[in-house]
């Protein structure tokens, strides 16, 4: 698990560790995004994560451990 990450993608963990730039968590587009992600099976969640982060696995400590080019960083949705 330390090498390959967590096998499941917890959407609630993703929500808690998402930084919204010029959006609010109450904006309809953000609500829709997380509703769609919650409806995805694990295979589609993995594909989404691979597309947006470059990896299909969640760090062992969850999304709070997501690493960017400059170290730890939150998943960011920017307008």
PDB file of N, CA and C in Angstrom:
ATOM      1  N   UNK A   1       0.814  -1.180   0.000  1.00  0.00           N
ATOM      2  CA  UNK A   1       0.000   0.000   0.000  1.00  0.00           C
ATOM      3  C   UNK A   1       0.871   1.262   0.000  1.00  0.00           C
ATOM      4  N   UNK A   2       2.012   1.228   0.661  1.00  0.00           N
ATOM      5  CA  UNK A   2       2.897   2.395   0.688  1.00  0.00           C
ATOM      6  C   UNK A   2       3.420   2.725  -0.704  1.00  0.00           C
ATOM      7  N   UNK A   3       3.637   1.714  -1.523  1.00  0.00           N
ATOM      8  CA  UNK A   3       4.186   1.930  -2.865  1.00  0.00           C
ATOM      9  C   UNK A   3       3.094   2.241  -3.869  1.00  0.00           C
ATOM     10  N   UNK A   4       2.000   1.499  -3.821  1.00  0.00           N
ATOM     11  CA  UNK A   4       0.995   1.646  -4.878  1.00  0.00           C
ATOM     12  C   UNK A   4      -0.219   2.487  -4.485  1.00  0.00           C
ATOM     13  N   UNK A   5      -0.393   2.842  -3.223  1.00  0.00           N
ATOM     14  CA  UNK A   5      -1.518   3.682  -2.811  1.00  0.00           C
ATOM     15  C   UNK A   5      -2.747   2.873  -2.450  1.00  0.00           C
ATOM     16  N   UNK A   6      -3.811   3.601  -2.114  1.00  0.00           N
ATOM     17  CA  UNK A   6      -5.063   2.968  -1.696  1.00  0.00           C
ATOM     18  C   UNK A   6      -5.814   2.393  -2.894  1.00  0.00           C
ATOM     19  N   UNK A   7      -6.468   1.253  -2.711  1.00  0.00           N
ATOM     20  CA  UNK A   7      -7.181   0.616  -3.823  1.00  0.00           C
ATOM     21  C   UNK A   7      -8.560   1.221  -4.104  1.00  0.00           C
ATOM     22  N   UNK A   8      -9.084   2.021  -3.179  1.00  0.00           N
ATOM     23  CA  UNK A   8     -10.404   2.611  -3.386  1.00  0.00           C
ATOM     24  C   UNK A   8     -10.303   4.136  -3.408  1.00  0.00           C
ATOM     25  N   UNK A   9     -11.278   4.744  -4.050  1.00  0.00           N
ATOM     26  CA  UNK A   9     -11.314   6.201  -4.155  1.00  0.00           C
ATOM     27  C   UNK A   9     -12.542   6.687  -3.401  1.00  0.00           C
ATOM     28  N   UNK A  10     -12.305   7.354  -2.277  1.00  0.00           N
ATOM     29  CA  UNK A  10     -13.356   7.858  -1.398  1.00  0.00           C
ATOM     30  C   UNK A  10     -13.703   9.290  -1.829  1.00  0.00           C
ATOM     31  N   UNK A  11     -14.887   9.473  -2.384  1.00  0.00           N
ATOM     32  CA  UNK A  11     -15.301  10.784  -2.884  1.00  0.00           C
ATOM     33  C   UNK A  11     -15.458  11.782  -1.741  1.00  0.00           C
ATOM     34  N   UNK A  12     -15.887  11.342  -0.573  1.00  0.00           N
ATOM     35  CA  UNK A  12     -15.989  12.260   0.575  1.00  0.00           C
ATOM     36  C   UNK A  12     -14.620  12.769   0.987  1.00  0.00           C
ATOM     37  N   UNK A  13     -13.609  11.909   0.933  1.00  0.00           N
ATOM     38  CA  UNK A  13     -12.232  12.329   1.217  1.00  0.00           C
ATOM     39  C   UNK A  13     -11.766  13.332   0.160  1.00  0.00           C
ATOM     40  N   UNK A  14     -12.099  13.079  -1.096  1.00  0.00           N
ATOM     41  CA  UNK A  14     -11.747  14.015  -2.161  1.00  0.00           C
ATOM     42  C   UNK A  14     -12.410  15.373  -1.920  1.00  0.00           C
ATOM     43  N   UNK A  15     -13.686  15.383  -1.550  1.00  0.00           N
ATOM     44  CA  UNK A  15     -14.394  16.639  -1.265  1.00  0.00           C
ATOM     45  C   UNK A  15     -13.704  17.424  -0.155  1.00  0.00           C
ATOM     46  N   UNK A  16     -13.356  16.724   0.929  1.00  0.00           N
ATOM     47  CA  UNK A  16     -12.718  17.386   2.078  1.00  0.00           C
ATOM     48  C   UNK A  16     -11.364  17.987   1.727  1.00  0.00           C
ATOM     49  N   UNK A  17     -10.702  17.409   0.742  1.00  0.00           N
ATOM     50  CA  UNK A  17      -9.344  17.832   0.406  1.00  0.00           C
ATOM     51  C   UNK A  17      -9.254  18.482  -0.969  1.00  0.00           C
ATOM     52  N   UNK A  18     -10.327  19.136  -1.375  1.00  0.00           N
ATOM     53  CA  UNK A  18     -10.354  19.854  -2.652  1.00  0.00           C
ATOM     54  C   UNK A  18     -10.329  21.346  -2.386  1.00  0.00           C
ATOM     55  N   UNK A  19      -9.460  22.047  -3.099  1.00  0.00           N
ATOM     56  CA  UNK A  19      -9.392  23.494  -3.047  1.00  0.00           C
ATOM     57  C   UNK A  19     -10.168  24.041  -4.238  1.00  0.00           C
ATOM     58  N   UNK A  20     -11.119  24.915  -3.970  1.00  0.00           N
ATOM     59  CA  UNK A  20     -11.924  25.519  -5.030  1.00  0.00           C
ATOM     60  C   UNK A  20     -11.429  26.943  -5.255  1.00  0.00           C
ATOM     61  N   UNK A  21     -10.953  27.225  -6.470  1.00  0.00           N
ATOM     62  CA  UNK A  21     -10.457  28.542  -6.831  1.00  0.00           C
ATOM     63  C   UNK A  21     -11.510  29.231  -7.698  1.00  0.00           C
ATOM     64  N   UNK A  22     -12.129  30.265  -7.162  1.00  0.00           N
ATOM     65  CA  UNK A  22     -13.192  31.029  -7.811  1.00  0.00           C
ATOM     66  C   UNK A  22     -14.496  30.229  -7.941  1.00  0.00           C
ATOM     67  N   UNK A  23     -14.626  29.197  -7.142  1.00  0.00           N
ATOM     68  CA  UNK A  23     -15.871  28.446  -7.009  1.00  0.00           C
ATOM     69  C   UNK A  23     -16.209  28.357  -5.534  1.00  0.00           C
ATOM     70  N   UNK A  24     -17.454  28.059  -5.246  1.00  0.00           N
ATOM     71  CA  UNK A  24     -17.913  27.760  -3.886  1.00  0.00           C
ATOM     72  C   UNK A  24     -18.443  26.332  -3.893  1.00  0.00           C
ATOM     73  N   UNK A  25     -18.398  25.651  -2.746  1.00  0.00           N
ATOM     74  CA  UNK A  25     -18.897  24.276  -2.712  1.00  0.00           C
ATOM     75  C   UNK A  25     -20.394  24.201  -2.986  1.00  0.00           C
ATOM     76  N   UNK A  26     -21.083  25.332  -2.907  1.00  0.00           N
ATOM     77  CA  UNK A  26     -22.515  25.368  -3.184  1.00  0.00           C
ATOM     78  C   UNK A  26     -22.828  25.690  -4.650  1.00  0.00           C
ATOM     79  N   UNK A  27     -21.824  25.965  -5.468  1.00  0.00           N
ATOM     80  CA  UNK A  27     -22.053  26.219  -6.896  1.00  0.00           C
ATOM     81  C   UNK A  27     -22.571  24.947  -7.559  1.00  0.00           C
ATOM     82  N   UNK A  28     -23.565  25.090  -8.413  1.00  0.00           N
ATOM     83  CA  UNK A  28     -24.219  23.931  -9.027  1.00  0.00           C
ATOM     84  C   UNK A  28     -23.231  23.043  -9.774  1.00  0.00           C
ATOM     85  N   UNK A  29     -22.282  23.604 -10.461  1.00  0.00           N
ATOM     86  CA  UNK A  29     -21.320  22.798 -11.232  1.00  0.00           C
ATOM     87  C   UNK A  29     -20.474  21.905 -10.317  1.00  0.00           C
ATOM     88  N   UNK A  30     -20.134  22.397  -9.141  1.00  0.00           N
ATOM     89  CA  UNK A  30     -19.359  21.613  -8.173  1.00  0.00           C
ATOM     90  C   UNK A  30     -20.236  20.508  -7.575  1.00  0.00           C
ATOM     91  N   UNK A  31     -21.474  20.842  -7.268  1.00  0.00           N
ATOM     92  CA  UNK A  31     -22.418  19.832  -6.758  1.00  0.00           C
ATOM     93  C   UNK A  31     -22.582  18.716  -7.787  1.00  0.00           C
ATOM     94  N   UNK A  32     -22.789  19.108  -9.055  1.00  0.00           N
ATOM     95  CA  UNK A  32     -22.939  18.105 -10.118  1.00  0.00           C
ATOM     96  C   UNK A  32     -21.692  17.239 -10.263  1.00  0.00           C
ATOM     97  N   UNK A  33     -20.515  17.850 -10.210  1.00  0.00           N
ATOM     98  CA  UNK A  33     -19.277  17.077 -10.350  1.00  0.00           C
ATOM     99  C   UNK A  33     -19.222  15.964  -9.308  1.00  0.00           C
ATOM    100  N   UNK A  34     -19.442  16.315  -8.047  1.00  0.00           N
ATOM    101  CA  UNK A  34     -19.333  15.296  -7.006  1.00  0.00           C
ATOM    102  C   UNK A  34     -20.480  14.292  -7.064  1.00  0.00           C
ATOM    103  N   UNK A  35     -21.648  14.708  -7.524  1.00  0.00           N
ATOM    104  CA  UNK A  35     -22.744  13.746  -7.718  1.00  0.00           C
ATOM    105  C   UNK A  35     -22.375  12.726  -8.795  1.00  0.00           C
ATOM    106  N   UNK A  36     -21.806  13.206  -9.884  1.00  0.00           N
ATOM    107  CA  UNK A  36     -21.395  12.298 -10.965  1.00  0.00           C
ATOM    108  C   UNK A  36     -20.299  11.365 -10.475  1.00  0.00           C
ATOM    109  N   UNK A  37     -19.300  11.907  -9.761  1.00  0.00           N
ATOM    110  CA  UNK A  37     -18.223  11.053  -9.250  1.00  0.00           C
ATOM    111  C   UNK A  37     -18.751   9.996  -8.291  1.00  0.00           C
ATOM    112  N   UNK A  38     -19.725  10.354  -7.465  1.00  0.00           N
ATOM    113  CA  UNK A  38     -20.317   9.375  -6.546  1.00  0.00           C
ATOM    114  C   UNK A  38     -21.056   8.277  -7.289  1.00  0.00           C
ATOM    115  N   UNK A  39     -21.597   8.592  -8.465  1.00  0.00           N
ATOM    116  CA  UNK A  39     -22.338   7.580  -9.235  1.00  0.00           C
ATOM    117  C   UNK A  39     -21.403   6.640 -10.003  1.00  0.00           C
ATOM    118  N   UNK A  40     -20.142   7.042 -10.174  1.00  0.00           N
ATOM    119  CA  UNK A  40     -19.172   6.214 -10.908  1.00  0.00           C
ATOM    120  C   UNK A  40     -18.841   4.952 -10.123  1.00  0.00           C
ATOM    121  N   UNK A  41     -18.636   3.852 -10.855  1.00  0.00           N
ATOM    122  CA  UNK A  41     -18.078   2.671 -10.207  1.00  0.00           C
ATOM    123  C   UNK A  41     -16.573   2.915 -10.024  1.00  0.00           C
ATOM    124  N   UNK A  42     -15.893   2.009  -9.326  1.00  0.00           N
ATOM    125  CA  UNK A  42     -14.481   2.218  -9.003  1.00  0.00           C
ATOM    126  C   UNK A  42     -13.610   2.320 -10.253  1.00  0.00           C
ATOM    127  N   UNK A  43     -13.969   1.614 -11.309  1.00  0.00           N
ATOM    128  CA  UNK A  43     -13.205   1.678 -12.553  1.00  0.00           C
ATOM    129  C   UNK A  43     -13.247   3.080 -13.166  1.00  0.00           C
ATOM    130  N   UNK A  44     -14.432   3.686 -13.198  1.00  0.00           N
ATOM    131  CA  UNK A  44     -14.548   5.047 -13.735  1.00  0.00           C
ATOM    132  C   UNK A  44     -13.879   6.065 -12.818  1.00  0.00           C
ATOM    133  N   UNK A  45     -13.978   5.869 -11.509  1.00  0.00           N
ATOM    134  CA  UNK A  45     -13.291   6.768 -10.573  1.00  0.00           C
ATOM    135  C   UNK A  45     -11.783   6.706 -10.788  1.00  0.00           C
ATOM    136  N   UNK A  46     -11.281   5.499 -11.000  1.00  0.00           N
ATOM    137  CA  UNK A  46      -9.852   5.320 -11.259  1.00  0.00           C
ATOM    138  C   UNK A  46      -9.444   6.034 -12.540  1.00  0.00           C
ATOM    139  N   UNK A  47     -10.251   5.917 -13.585  1.00  0.00           N
ATOM    140  CA  UNK A  47      -9.959   6.599 -14.854  1.00  0.00           C
ATOM    141  C   UNK A  47      -9.975   8.112 -14.680  1.00  0.00           C
ATOM    142  N   UNK A  48     -10.950   8.627 -13.931  1.00  0.00           N
ATOM    143  CA  UNK A  48     -11.017  10.062 -13.656  1.00  0.00           C
ATOM    144  C   UNK A  48      -9.760  10.516 -12.926  1.00  0.00           C
ATOM    145  N   UNK A  49      -9.393   9.794 -11.879  1.00  0.00           N
ATOM    146  CA  UNK A  49      -8.222  10.160 -11.091  1.00  0.00           C
ATOM    147  C   UNK A  49      -6.955  10.126 -11.943  1.00  0.00           C
ATOM    148  N   UNK A  50      -6.823   9.131 -12.792  1.00  0.00           N
ATOM    149  CA  UNK A  50      -5.670   9.035 -13.692  1.00  0.00           C
ATOM    150  C   UNK A  50      -5.621  10.245 -14.618  1.00  0.00           C
ATOM    151  N   UNK A  51      -6.767  10.653 -15.145  1.00  0.00           N
ATOM    152  CA  UNK A  51      -6.830  11.780 -16.065  1.00  0.00           C
ATOM    153  C   UNK A  51      -6.442  13.096 -15.393  1.00  0.00           C
ATOM    154  N   UNK A  52      -6.946  13.342 -14.182  1.00  0.00           N
ATOM    155  CA  UNK A  52      -6.731  14.644 -13.549  1.00  0.00           C
ATOM    156  C   UNK A  52      -5.449  14.748 -12.725  1.00  0.00           C
ATOM    157  N   UNK A  53      -4.878  13.614 -12.299  1.00  0.00           N
ATOM    158  CA  UNK A  53      -3.675  13.683 -11.464  1.00  0.00           C
ATOM    159  C   UNK A  53      -2.464  12.989 -12.069  1.00  0.00           C
ATOM    160  N   UNK A  54      -2.682  12.138 -13.054  1.00  0.00           N
ATOM    161  CA  UNK A  54      -1.567  11.390 -13.625  1.00  0.00           C
ATOM    162  C   UNK A  54      -1.318  10.059 -12.938  1.00  0.00           C
ATOM    163  N   UNK A  55      -2.078   9.753 -11.903  1.00  0.00           N
ATOM    164  CA  UNK A  55      -1.964   8.467 -11.222  1.00  0.00           C
ATOM    165  C   UNK A  55      -3.363   7.952 -10.897  1.00  0.00           C
ATOM    166  N   UNK A  56      -3.510   6.655 -10.895  1.00  0.00           N
ATOM    167  CA  UNK A  56      -4.815   6.058 -10.626  1.00  0.00           C
ATOM    168  C   UNK A  56      -4.981   5.642  -9.167  1.00  0.00           C
ATOM    169  N   UNK A  57      -3.993   5.922  -8.342  1.00  0.00           N
ATOM    170  CA  UNK A  57      -4.048   5.516  -6.935  1.00  0.00           C
ATOM    171  C   UNK A  57      -4.068   6.724  -6.013  1.00  0.00           C
ATOM    172  N   UNK A  58      -4.734   6.565  -4.887  1.00  0.00           N
ATOM    173  CA  UNK A  58      -4.787   7.584  -3.842  1.00  0.00           C
ATOM    174  C   UNK A  58      -3.616   7.325  -2.884  1.00  0.00           C
ATOM    175  N   UNK A  59      -2.902   8.370  -2.437  1.00  0.00           N
ATOM    176  CA  UNK A  59      -1.828   8.157  -1.467  1.00  0.00           C
ATOM    177  C   UNK A  59      -2.332   7.421  -0.222  1.00  0.00           C
ATOM    178  N   UNK A  60      -1.461   6.692   0.475  1.00  0.00           N
ATOM    179  CA  UNK A  60      -1.883   5.928   1.658  1.00  0.00           C
ATOM    180  C   UNK A  60      -2.604   6.770   2.712  1.00  0.00           C
ATOM    181  N   UNK A  61      -2.248   8.051   2.843  1.00  0.00           N
ATOM    182  CA  UNK A  61      -2.911   8.908   3.826  1.00  0.00           C
ATOM    183  C   UNK A  61      -4.163   9.587   3.281  1.00  0.00           C
ATOM    184  N   UNK A  62      -4.605   9.188   2.094  1.00  0.00           N
ATOM    185  CA  UNK A  62      -5.790   9.772   1.479  1.00  0.00           C
ATOM    186  C   UNK A  62      -5.425  10.981   0.631  1.00  0.00           C
ATOM    187  N   UNK A  63      -6.434  11.710   0.196  1.00  0.00           N
ATOM    188  CA  UNK A  63      -6.196  12.844  -0.691  1.00  0.00           C
ATOM    189  C   UNK A  63      -5.419  13.968  -0.029  1.00  0.00           C
ATOM    190  N   UNK A  64      -5.366  14.011   1.297  1.00  0.00           N
ATOM    191  CA  UNK A  64      -4.561  15.043   1.951  1.00  0.00           C
ATOM    192  C   UNK A  64      -3.067  14.824   1.678  1.00  0.00           C
ATOM    193  N   UNK A  65      -2.693  13.643   1.244  1.00  0.00           N
ATOM    194  CA  UNK A  65      -1.307  13.336   0.931  1.00  0.00           C
ATOM    195  C   UNK A  65      -0.960  13.469  -0.545  1.00  0.00           C
ATOM    196  N   UNK A  66      -1.878  14.030  -1.325  1.00  0.00           N
ATOM    197  CA  UNK A  66      -1.640  14.195  -2.762  1.00  0.00           C
ATOM    198  C   UNK A  66      -0.429  15.098  -2.978  1.00  0.00           C
ATOM    199  N   UNK A  67       0.472  14.687  -3.863  1.00  0.00           N
ATOM    200  CA  UNK A  67       1.692  15.436  -4.122  1.00  0.00           C
ATOM    201  C   UNK A  67       1.642  16.108  -5.486  1.00  0.00           C
ATOM    202  N   UNK A  68       2.078  17.338  -5.523  1.00  0.00           N
ATOM    203  CA  UNK A  68       2.208  18.080  -6.764  1.00  0.00           C
ATOM    204  C   UNK A  68       3.685  18.273  -7.086  1.00  0.00           C
ATOM    205  N   UNK A  69       3.979  19.099  -8.050  1.00  0.00           N
ATOM    206  CA  UNK A  69       5.371  19.358  -8.433  1.00  0.00           C
ATOM    207  C   UNK A  69       6.177  19.989  -7.308  1.00  0.00           C
ATOM    208  N   UNK A  70       5.515  20.758  -6.449  1.00  0.00           N
ATOM    209  CA  UNK A  70       6.214  21.458  -5.368  1.00  0.00           C
ATOM    210  C   UNK A  70       5.917  20.872  -3.995  1.00  0.00           C
ATOM    211  N   UNK A  71       5.567  19.592  -3.952  1.00  0.00           N
ATOM    212  CA  UNK A  71       5.281  18.942  -2.681  1.00  0.00           C
ATOM    213  C   UNK A  71       3.791  18.718  -2.473  1.00  0.00           C
ATOM    214  N   UNK A  72       3.377  18.537  -1.203  1.00  0.00           N
ATOM    215  CA  UNK A  72       1.963  18.270  -0.915  1.00  0.00           C
ATOM    216  C   UNK A  72       1.062  19.385  -1.455  1.00  0.00           C
ATOM    217  N   UNK A  73      -0.031  18.988  -2.072  1.00  0.00           N
ATOM    218  CA  UNK A  73      -0.968  19.955  -2.636  1.00  0.00           C
ATOM    219  C   UNK A  73      -2.374  19.375  -2.627  1.00  0.00           C
ATOM    220  N   UNK A  74      -3.350  20.226  -2.493  1.00  0.00           N
ATOM    221  CA  UNK A  74      -4.742  19.775  -2.535  1.00  0.00           C
ATOM    222  C   UNK A  74      -5.169  19.613  -3.990  1.00  0.00           C
ATOM    223  N   UNK A  75      -6.117  18.722  -4.200  1.00  0.00           N
ATOM    224  CA  UNK A  75      -6.772  18.620  -5.486  1.00  0.00           C
ATOM    225  C   UNK A  75      -7.455  19.971  -5.717  1.00  0.00           C
ATOM    226  N   UNK A  76      -7.254  20.581  -6.871  1.00  0.00           N
ATOM    227  CA  UNK A  76      -7.747  21.932  -7.131  1.00  0.00           C
ATOM    228  C   UNK A  76      -8.675  21.968  -8.324  1.00  0.00           C
ATOM    229  N   UNK A  77      -9.798  22.672  -8.151  1.00  0.00           N
ATOM    230  CA  UNK A  77     -10.712  22.953  -9.259  1.00  0.00           C
ATOM    231  C   UNK A  77     -10.694  24.455  -9.441  1.00  0.00           C
ATOM    232  N   UNK A  78     -10.272  24.871 -10.607  1.00  0.00           N
ATOM    233  CA  UNK A  78     -10.110  26.299 -10.874  1.00  0.00           C
ATOM    234  C   UNK A  78     -11.009  26.742 -12.022  1.00  0.00           C
ATOM    235  N   UNK A  79     -11.624  27.897 -11.856  1.00  0.00           N
ATOM    236  CA  UNK A  79     -12.501  28.456 -12.875  1.00  0.00           C
ATOM    237  C   UNK A  79     -11.667  29.019 -14.011  1.00  0.00           C
TER     238      UNK A  79
END
